[in-house]
Amino acid sequence: MDEPEFEWRTEITDPVTPYDLASMRQYRLGRVQAELVRSGYGAAVLLDPCNIRYATDSRNMSVWTLHNRVRCAFVPAEGAPILFEFGAGQWPVPAEQIETIGDVRPVSGWTHFYAGSDKSNRLERWCAEIAALVTEHCGNETRVAFDHLDPQSVPLINQAGLTVVDGEALMERARLIKSAEEVHCLRHSVAVAELALDRIRRFLRPGITENELWSILHQTNIAHDGEWVETRLLSSGPRTNPWMQESSSRAIEAGDLVALDTDMIGPHGYCADISRTFLCGPTAPSREQQRLYRLAREQLRHNVAQLGPGRSLRSVVESEWAFPDEFLPYRYGFAHGVGLKDEYPFLPNLADVEALGDPEMILQAGMVLSVESYIGAVDGPFGVKLEDQVLITDSGPEVLSTFPFEDALSSSTG
């Protein structure tokens, strides 16, 4: 069988460029500083690359710096952030061109990779630098929000006269409500993910491996200046049940269902979190494949409709689609926030409502959530995964993901 020629060119023009990215940066910084003021904290020190991106719009080796602490941002409650950037002072860094950043300074790496047995000394110097910035920018307020900390840092920060408070919760709250420019960025990322889904759908054929198919998402994302893919959630045939099995070298067969979840950090650092399940032809779907697919679509459609502004998380979960008992053991979460990554809040399945973290939290216009469905029975031959990304507006939910569903699987005959 002749293989189709892959289209390596990019096909989507960035719709964000005509909009005001400087305004988006100011908005996001303003959200962080408003949370600092509301909480009574003097500053935030951010080490998570997604939080650094949100507050400063700077990126630098984001995946590597997820596990190597060589970047951080100091964000005072008033004034411009100071970025401690890997490579600053040694060569030009892109962050120096971002208007919301007050200063870019070199950082002394304190991970064991760089510091070895000198780690304690380097951490002590870094903590002293942060304490000096607090004295300079925060007046008498010594409470500082850290999103992540090396365990050795906490006593050193306390010795420097600072009080460590939770920065993870603060940043999740700041990121809840998206500006118009952020929504444009999310639409752009979704468009890139859907281009990848179209390519995957067209390349799906008997004999292609799961990994070969999955690589198309990565290529399309990077070609459009995207960032990375968070997971490897593509599976086929019997590997679609249970869910959460990572892509493998398995060769896909005719008649297989192929389920995937994009989990893609795309252009401008925004997440496209969409799931679809395809049928590998030319074999027609079975009645059972159609049944599961129709149920997953029904669940997704019903649950999306519950996301209205002014509703509490508890009331949304309690209005969930009635889950058939045969699929309950492999139930999936209802929905979760999405922005620069999967974000707060997380809404569990109704059967797990006691795990709902903030049941009285109210949904607001400007929130974006991904709504999930997985239908698969214990010991079943396959499962179906679907997911849509949804913007909450004043008039109700708007589905941002528009990739079509499978007509053959949605049909009532097989």
Protein backbone atom coordinates (compact mmCIF):
# COMPACT_ATOMS: atom_id res chain seq x y z
CA MET A 1 0.00 0.00 0.00
CA ASP A 2 1.41 3.37 -1.01
CA GLU A 3 1.95 5.75 1.87
CA PRO A 4 0.44 9.24 1.54
CA GLU A 5 2.93 12.06 1.32
CA PHE A 6 3.15 14.01 4.55
CA GLU A 7 2.53 17.77 4.33
CA TRP A 8 5.46 19.28 6.23
CA ARG A 9 4.51 22.89 5.65
CA THR A 10 2.61 24.91 8.19
CA GLU A 11 -0.99 25.61 7.27
CA ILE A 12 -2.34 27.91 9.98
CA THR A 13 -1.59 31.60 10.16
CA ASP A 14 -1.18 32.93 13.69
CA PRO A 15 -4.46 34.78 14.42
CA VAL A 16 -2.97 36.39 17.53
CA THR A 17 -0.42 38.69 15.90
CA PRO A 18 -2.97 41.38 14.97
CA TYR A 19 -4.07 41.52 18.58
CA ASP A 20 -2.36 43.25 21.45
CA LEU A 21 0.08 40.84 23.06
CA ALA A 22 1.44 43.66 25.22
CA SER A 23 -2.06 44.07 26.64
CA MET A 24 -2.23 40.33 27.35
CA ARG A 25 1.06 40.51 29.25
CA GLN A 26 -0.17 43.44 31.32
CA TYR A 27 -3.44 41.65 32.02
CA ARG A 28 -1.72 38.49 33.23
CA LEU A 29 0.79 40.36 35.38
CA GLY A 30 -2.10 42.39 36.80
CA ARG A 31 -3.95 39.19 37.72
CA VAL A 32 -0.94 37.88 39.66
CA GLN A 33 -0.36 41.18 41.46
CA ALA A 34 -4.05 41.53 42.31
CA GLU A 35 -3.90 38.10 43.99
CA LEU A 36 -0.80 39.15 45.91
CA VAL A 37 -2.53 42.30 47.16
CA ARG A 38 -5.73 40.39 48.00
CA SER A 39 -3.72 37.83 49.98
CA GLY A 40 -1.52 40.41 51.68
CA TYR A 41 1.72 38.95 50.31
CA GLY A 42 4.72 41.04 49.34
CA ALA A 43 5.80 39.06 46.29
CA ALA A 44 5.72 35.75 44.46
CA VAL A 45 8.76 33.73 43.48
CA LEU A 46 7.91 31.47 40.55
CA LEU A 47 9.90 28.43 39.43
CA ASP A 48 7.30 26.50 37.43
CA PRO A 49 7.95 27.37 33.74
CA CYS A 50 4.19 27.73 33.11
CA ASN A 51 3.87 30.23 35.96
CA ILE A 52 6.96 32.11 34.76
CA ARG A 53 5.39 32.22 31.29
CA TYR A 54 2.11 33.53 32.67
CA ALA A 55 3.66 36.33 34.72
CA THR A 56 6.45 37.36 32.31
CA ASP A 57 5.59 35.77 28.92
CA SER A 58 9.15 34.46 28.71
CA ARG A 59 10.12 30.95 27.71
CA ASN A 60 13.47 29.18 27.79
CA MET A 61 13.91 25.41 27.58
CA SER A 62 10.64 24.91 29.41
CA VAL A 63 10.59 21.12 29.61
CA TRP A 64 14.21 20.96 30.78
CA THR A 65 13.60 23.61 33.42
CA LEU A 66 10.63 21.65 34.76
CA HIS A 67 13.20 19.43 36.47
CA ASN A 68 16.27 21.69 36.56
CA ARG A 69 15.87 24.79 38.75
CA VAL A 70 17.80 27.30 36.66
CA ARG A 71 15.13 29.97 36.10
CA CYS A 72 12.80 31.91 38.37
CA ALA A 73 10.79 35.10 38.41
CA PHE A 74 10.44 37.53 41.30
CA VAL A 75 7.05 39.25 41.02
CA PRO A 76 6.43 42.03 43.57
CA ALA A 77 2.91 43.09 44.47
CA GLU A 78 3.74 46.42 42.82
CA GLY A 79 6.24 47.09 40.07
CA ALA A 80 7.86 45.09 37.28
CA PRO A 81 9.00 41.47 37.68
CA ILE A 82 12.68 40.54 37.82
CA LEU A 83 13.60 37.45 35.83
CA PHE A 84 16.52 35.27 36.88
CA GLU A 85 17.31 33.73 33.51
CA PHE A 86 19.54 30.87 32.48
CA GLY A 87 22.28 32.30 30.27
CA ALA A 88 21.66 35.95 31.13
CA GLY A 89 24.90 37.93 31.19
CA GLN A 90 26.54 35.29 29.00
CA TRP A 91 24.54 35.75 25.79
CA PRO A 92 21.42 37.70 24.74
CA VAL A 93 18.16 36.19 25.96
CA PRO A 94 14.71 36.75 24.40
CA ALA A 95 13.20 37.93 27.70
CA GLU A 96 15.21 41.16 27.45
CA GLN A 97 12.76 42.31 24.74
CA ILE A 98 9.59 41.84 26.85
CA GLU A 99 8.28 45.19 28.03
CA THR A 100 6.69 43.96 31.28
CA ILE A 101 9.98 42.61 32.68
CA GLY A 102 11.87 45.15 34.77
CA ASP A 103 15.25 43.41 34.81
CA VAL A 104 16.87 40.20 33.61
CA ARG A 105 19.63 38.80 35.82
CA PRO A 106 21.84 35.72 35.75
CA VAL A 107 20.92 32.87 38.04
CA SER A 108 23.32 30.60 39.86
CA GLY A 109 22.14 27.04 39.32
CA TRP A 110 21.67 25.24 42.63
CA THR A 111 20.55 21.86 41.30
CA HIS A 112 22.94 19.02 42.02
CA PHE A 113 23.65 18.81 38.27
CA TYR A 114 25.47 22.15 38.48
CA ALA A 115 26.30 22.58 42.14
CA GLY A 116 27.28 19.14 43.37
CA SER A 117 28.45 19.39 46.96
CA ASP A 118 28.25 23.20 46.77
CA LYS A 119 24.43 23.10 46.58
CA SER A 120 23.85 24.45 50.10
CA ASN A 121 26.11 27.44 49.52
CA ARG A 122 24.43 28.30 46.23
CA LEU A 123 20.98 27.96 47.73
CA GLU A 124 22.00 30.25 50.57
CA ARG A 125 23.17 32.89 48.09
CA TRP A 126 19.94 32.61 46.12
CA CYS A 127 17.81 32.95 49.26
CA ALA A 128 19.83 36.03 50.24
CA GLU A 129 19.17 37.53 46.78
CA ILE A 130 15.43 36.96 47.18
CA ALA A 131 15.47 38.45 50.69
CA ALA A 132 17.27 41.56 49.37
CA LEU A 133 14.63 41.98 46.67
CA VAL A 134 11.86 41.69 49.26
CA THR A 135 13.52 44.40 51.36
CA GLU A 136 13.86 46.63 48.27
CA HIS A 137 10.40 46.13 46.78
CA CYS A 138 7.99 44.96 49.48
CA GLY A 139 8.43 47.31 52.43
CA ASN A 140 7.65 45.54 55.69
CA GLU A 141 5.75 42.65 54.11
CA THR A 142 7.89 39.53 54.41
CA ARG A 143 5.36 36.90 53.36
CA VAL A 144 6.42 35.55 49.96
CA ALA A 145 4.49 33.07 47.82
CA PHE A 146 6.60 30.28 46.31
CA ASP A 147 5.04 27.90 43.78
CA HIS A 148 7.78 25.26 44.21
CA LEU A 149 10.70 24.96 46.59
CA ASP A 150 13.63 22.66 47.15
CA PRO A 151 13.24 21.26 50.71
CA GLN A 152 16.62 22.71 51.67
CA SER A 153 15.40 26.18 50.73
CA VAL A 154 12.69 26.57 53.35
CA PRO A 155 14.89 26.89 56.47
CA LEU A 156 17.30 29.14 54.56
CA ILE A 157 14.46 31.44 53.50
CA ASN A 158 13.15 31.53 57.05
CA GLN A 159 16.64 32.37 58.32
CA ALA A 160 16.70 35.27 55.86
CA GLY A 161 13.63 36.71 57.62
CA LEU A 162 10.97 35.65 55.10
CA THR A 163 7.82 33.60 55.60
CA VAL A 164 7.03 31.01 52.94
CA VAL A 165 3.38 30.86 51.78
CA ASP A 166 1.64 28.81 49.10
CA GLY A 167 2.23 30.25 45.64
CA GLU A 168 0.71 27.35 43.71
CA ALA A 169 -2.84 28.18 44.83
CA LEU A 170 -2.25 31.89 44.24
CA MET A 171 -1.15 31.29 40.63
CA GLU A 172 -4.02 28.92 39.90
CA ARG A 173 -6.49 31.56 41.09
CA ALA A 174 -4.76 34.24 39.02
CA ARG A 175 -5.02 32.15 35.85
CA LEU A 176 -8.73 31.35 36.20
CA ILE A 177 -10.23 34.15 34.04
CA LYS A 178 -8.92 34.53 30.51
CA SER A 179 -8.69 37.85 28.68
CA ALA A 180 -9.86 38.27 25.08
CA GLU A 181 -6.24 37.93 23.90
CA GLU A 182 -5.82 34.73 25.90
CA VAL A 183 -8.95 33.30 24.28
CA HIS A 184 -7.48 34.14 20.86
CA CYS A 185 -4.33 32.25 21.86
CA LEU A 186 -6.40 29.27 22.98
CA ARG A 187 -8.32 29.29 19.69
CA HIS A 188 -5.03 29.31 17.81
CA SER A 189 -3.66 26.37 19.79
CA VAL A 190 -6.90 24.44 19.26
CA ALA A 191 -6.69 25.13 15.52
CA VAL A 192 -3.16 23.70 15.40
CA ALA A 193 -4.24 20.62 17.37
CA GLU A 194 -7.16 20.11 15.02
CA LEU A 195 -4.86 20.34 12.00
CA ALA A 196 -2.85 17.56 13.64
CA LEU A 197 -6.03 15.54 14.27
CA ASP A 198 -6.96 15.89 10.60
CA ARG A 199 -3.52 14.67 9.55
CA ILE A 200 -3.68 11.78 12.01
CA ARG A 201 -7.11 10.84 10.70
CA ARG A 202 -5.89 10.88 7.10
CA PHE A 203 -2.77 8.86 7.88
CA LEU A 204 -4.61 6.25 9.93
CA ARG A 205 -4.43 2.92 8.08
CA PRO A 206 -3.74 -0.73 8.89
CA GLY A 207 -0.06 -1.31 9.60
CA ILE A 208 0.88 2.13 10.92
CA THR A 209 2.08 2.01 14.51
CA GLU A 210 0.64 4.01 17.38
CA ASN A 211 3.97 5.83 17.80
CA GLU A 212 4.15 6.75 14.12
CA LEU A 213 0.65 8.18 14.29
CA TRP A 214 1.34 10.01 17.56
CA SER A 215 4.46 11.68 16.13
CA ILE A 216 2.26 13.66 13.73
CA LEU A 217 0.86 15.68 16.64
CA HIS A 218 4.37 16.61 17.79
CA GLN A 219 5.53 17.61 14.30
CA THR A 220 2.49 19.75 13.61
CA ASN A 221 2.74 21.50 16.97
CA ILE A 222 6.44 22.35 16.65
CA ALA A 223 6.02 23.49 13.03
CA HIS A 224 3.51 26.06 14.30
CA ASP A 225 5.81 27.31 17.11
CA GLY A 226 4.13 25.18 19.74
CA GLU A 227 5.89 23.99 22.87
CA TRP A 228 5.47 20.33 23.87
CA VAL A 229 2.97 17.50 24.38
CA GLU A 230 2.32 16.60 28.00
CA THR A 231 1.43 12.90 27.61
CA ARG A 232 1.54 9.95 25.19
CA LEU A 233 -2.16 9.12 25.28
CA LEU A 234 -2.84 7.35 21.98
CA SER A 235 -3.91 3.73 21.99
CA SER A 236 -5.59 1.33 19.59
CA GLY A 237 -7.72 -1.80 19.54
CA PRO A 238 -7.62 -3.70 22.86
CA ARG A 239 -5.26 -1.07 24.32
CA THR A 240 -8.09 1.50 24.34
CA ASN A 241 -9.54 -0.28 27.41
CA PRO A 242 -8.72 0.64 30.07
CA TRP A 243 -7.78 4.21 29.23
CA MET A 244 -4.47 5.91 30.18
CA GLN A 245 -2.26 3.53 28.18
CA GLU A 246 0.60 5.32 26.44
CA SER A 247 1.33 5.02 22.73
CA SER A 248 3.41 2.03 21.73
CA SER A 249 4.96 0.28 18.74
CA ARG A 250 1.76 -1.74 18.23
CA ALA A 251 0.71 -1.91 14.58
CA ILE A 252 -2.89 -0.76 14.18
CA GLU A 253 -5.27 -3.23 12.53
CA ALA A 254 -8.32 -2.77 10.33
CA GLY A 255 -11.41 -2.40 12.49
CA ASP A 256 -9.53 -1.02 15.48
CA LEU A 257 -10.70 1.98 17.41
CA VAL A 258 -7.89 4.52 17.89
CA ALA A 259 -8.35 6.90 20.83
CA LEU A 260 -6.15 9.89 21.65
CA ASP A 261 -5.92 12.90 23.93
CA THR A 262 -3.86 15.80 22.54
CA ASP A 263 -2.66 17.33 25.87
CA MET A 264 -0.73 19.76 23.67
CA ILE A 265 1.02 22.92 24.84
CA GLY A 266 0.82 24.89 21.64
CA PRO A 267 1.60 28.34 20.25
CA HIS A 268 2.09 31.11 22.84
CA GLY A 269 2.24 28.38 25.49
CA TYR A 270 -1.52 27.71 25.50
CA CYS A 271 -2.98 24.25 25.90
CA ALA A 272 -5.20 22.38 23.45
CA ASP A 273 -6.73 19.47 25.34
CA ILE A 274 -9.01 17.58 22.97
CA SER A 275 -9.84 13.86 22.61
CA ARG A 276 -11.22 11.96 19.68
CA THR A 277 -11.69 8.29 18.82
CA PHE A 278 -11.32 7.13 15.21
CA LEU A 279 -12.11 3.90 13.38
CA CYS A 280 -9.36 2.32 11.28
CA GLY A 281 -10.99 1.27 8.00
CA PRO A 282 -11.82 -0.12 5.62
CA THR A 283 -13.73 -2.38 8.03
CA ALA A 284 -17.19 -1.14 9.05
CA PRO A 285 -17.75 -0.50 12.77
CA SER A 286 -19.41 -3.10 14.94
CA ARG A 287 -22.69 -2.38 16.70
CA GLU A 288 -20.86 -2.39 20.04
CA GLN A 289 -18.34 0.18 18.82
CA GLN A 290 -21.22 2.36 17.67
CA ARG A 291 -23.06 1.93 20.97
CA LEU A 292 -20.08 3.03 23.06
CA TYR A 293 -19.33 5.92 20.75
CA ARG A 294 -22.93 7.19 20.85
CA LEU A 295 -22.93 7.00 24.65
CA ALA A 296 -19.67 8.95 24.85
CA ARG A 297 -21.08 11.65 22.56
CA GLU A 298 -24.26 11.79 24.62
CA GLN A 299 -22.25 12.18 27.83
CA LEU A 300 -20.05 14.89 26.34
CA ARG A 301 -22.99 16.85 24.91
CA HIS A 302 -24.94 16.71 28.17
CA ASN A 303 -22.02 17.67 30.40
CA VAL A 304 -20.90 20.59 28.23
CA ALA A 305 -24.42 22.02 28.50
CA GLN A 306 -24.08 22.18 32.32
CA LEU A 307 -21.26 24.77 32.24
CA GLY A 308 -23.19 27.96 32.76
CA PRO A 309 -21.91 31.06 34.56
CA GLY A 310 -23.12 31.41 38.14
CA ARG A 311 -23.31 27.68 38.84
CA SER A 312 -21.37 26.12 41.69
CA LEU A 313 -19.00 23.25 40.99
CA ARG A 314 -21.14 20.99 43.17
CA SER A 315 -24.31 21.78 41.22
CA VAL A 316 -22.51 21.11 37.93
CA VAL A 317 -21.19 17.73 39.06
CA GLU A 318 -24.57 16.80 40.54
CA SER A 319 -26.23 17.48 37.16
CA GLU A 320 -23.86 15.08 35.40
CA TRP A 321 -25.06 12.68 32.70
CA ALA A 322 -26.46 9.49 34.24
CA PHE A 323 -23.51 7.09 34.06
CA PRO A 324 -24.49 3.47 33.26
CA ASP A 325 -23.37 1.03 35.95
CA GLU A 326 -21.44 -1.17 33.52
CA PHE A 327 -18.99 1.69 32.81
CA LEU A 328 -18.75 3.09 36.33
CA PRO A 329 -15.53 1.30 37.39
CA TYR A 330 -13.59 2.98 34.55
CA ARG A 331 -15.27 6.37 34.95
CA TYR A 332 -13.26 9.48 34.11
CA GLY A 333 -13.30 12.96 35.59
CA PHE A 334 -16.05 15.35 34.47
CA ALA A 335 -13.88 18.37 33.52
CA HIS A 336 -10.89 20.52 34.44
CA GLY A 337 -9.67 24.03 33.82
CA VAL A 338 -7.30 24.67 30.95
CA GLY A 339 -5.02 27.59 30.01
CA LEU A 340 -1.23 27.37 29.86
CA LYS A 341 -1.69 23.73 30.95
CA ASP A 342 -4.35 21.67 32.69
CA GLU A 343 -5.47 24.08 35.40
CA TYR A 344 -7.70 24.46 38.44
CA PRO A 345 -10.49 23.57 39.04
CA PHE A 346 -10.87 19.80 38.71
CA LEU A 347 -14.42 18.44 38.59
CA PRO A 348 -14.64 14.69 39.35
CA ASN A 349 -17.28 12.23 38.28
CA LEU A 350 -20.43 12.33 40.42
CA ALA A 351 -19.46 9.01 42.01
CA ASP A 352 -16.38 10.78 43.37
CA VAL A 353 -18.04 14.06 44.36
CA GLU A 354 -16.44 13.90 47.81
CA ALA A 355 -13.11 14.57 46.05
CA LEU A 356 -14.36 17.96 44.80
CA GLY A 357 -11.94 20.47 46.27
CA ASP A 358 -14.04 23.65 46.30
CA PRO A 359 -17.68 22.62 45.87
CA GLU A 360 -19.10 26.12 46.34
CA MET A 361 -16.78 27.76 43.80
CA ILE A 362 -18.82 29.59 41.13
CA LEU A 363 -18.18 29.26 37.41
CA GLN A 364 -17.59 32.62 35.74
CA ALA A 365 -17.46 33.95 32.20
CA GLY A 366 -13.88 33.82 30.95
CA MET A 367 -13.10 30.41 32.43
CA VAL A 368 -12.04 27.68 30.00
CA LEU A 369 -12.54 24.00 30.79
CA SER A 370 -12.00 20.72 29.00
CA VAL A 371 -14.94 18.34 29.37
CA GLU A 372 -14.08 14.63 29.29
CA SER A 373 -15.81 11.38 28.41
CA TYR A 374 -14.52 7.84 28.55
CA ILE A 375 -16.82 4.87 27.98
CA GLY A 376 -15.37 1.41 28.53
CA ALA A 377 -16.49 -1.60 30.54
CA VAL A 378 -14.27 -3.75 32.73
CA ASP A 379 -12.90 -6.54 30.50
CA GLY A 380 -14.50 -4.86 27.50
CA PRO A 381 -12.75 -5.23 24.11
CA PHE A 382 -12.29 -1.48 23.60
CA GLY A 383 -13.19 1.98 24.90
CA VAL A 384 -14.07 5.41 23.53
CA LYS A 385 -12.45 8.68 24.65
CA LEU A 386 -13.90 12.08 23.68
CA GLU A 387 -13.14 15.57 25.02
CA ASP A 388 -13.99 19.15 24.07
CA GLN A 389 -12.50 22.47 25.17
CA VAL A 390 -15.13 24.95 26.29
CA LEU A 391 -15.19 28.70 26.99
CA ILE A 392 -17.76 29.89 29.53
CA THR A 393 -19.45 33.07 28.32
CA ASP A 394 -22.15 35.26 29.83
CA SER A 395 -24.71 33.41 27.72
CA GLY A 396 -23.42 29.90 28.39
CA PRO A 397 -20.79 27.45 27.13
CA GLU A 398 -19.03 27.95 23.78
CA VAL A 399 -17.22 24.89 22.46
CA LEU A 400 -13.82 26.00 21.15
CA SER A 401 -12.91 22.61 19.66
CA THR A 402 -14.76 21.95 16.43
CA PHE A 403 -13.11 18.81 15.04
CA PRO A 404 -15.87 16.58 13.62
CA PHE A 405 -16.99 13.33 15.19
CA GLU A 406 -16.96 10.03 13.27
CA ASP A 407 -20.10 9.65 11.17
CA ALA A 408 -19.73 5.87 10.84
CA LEU A 409 -19.39 5.45 14.61
CA SER A 410 -22.27 7.82 15.32
CA SER A 411 -24.63 5.87 13.06
CA SER A 412 -27.25 3.62 14.61
CA THR A 413 -26.54 0.77 12.19
CA GLY A 414 -23.45 -1.37 11.72
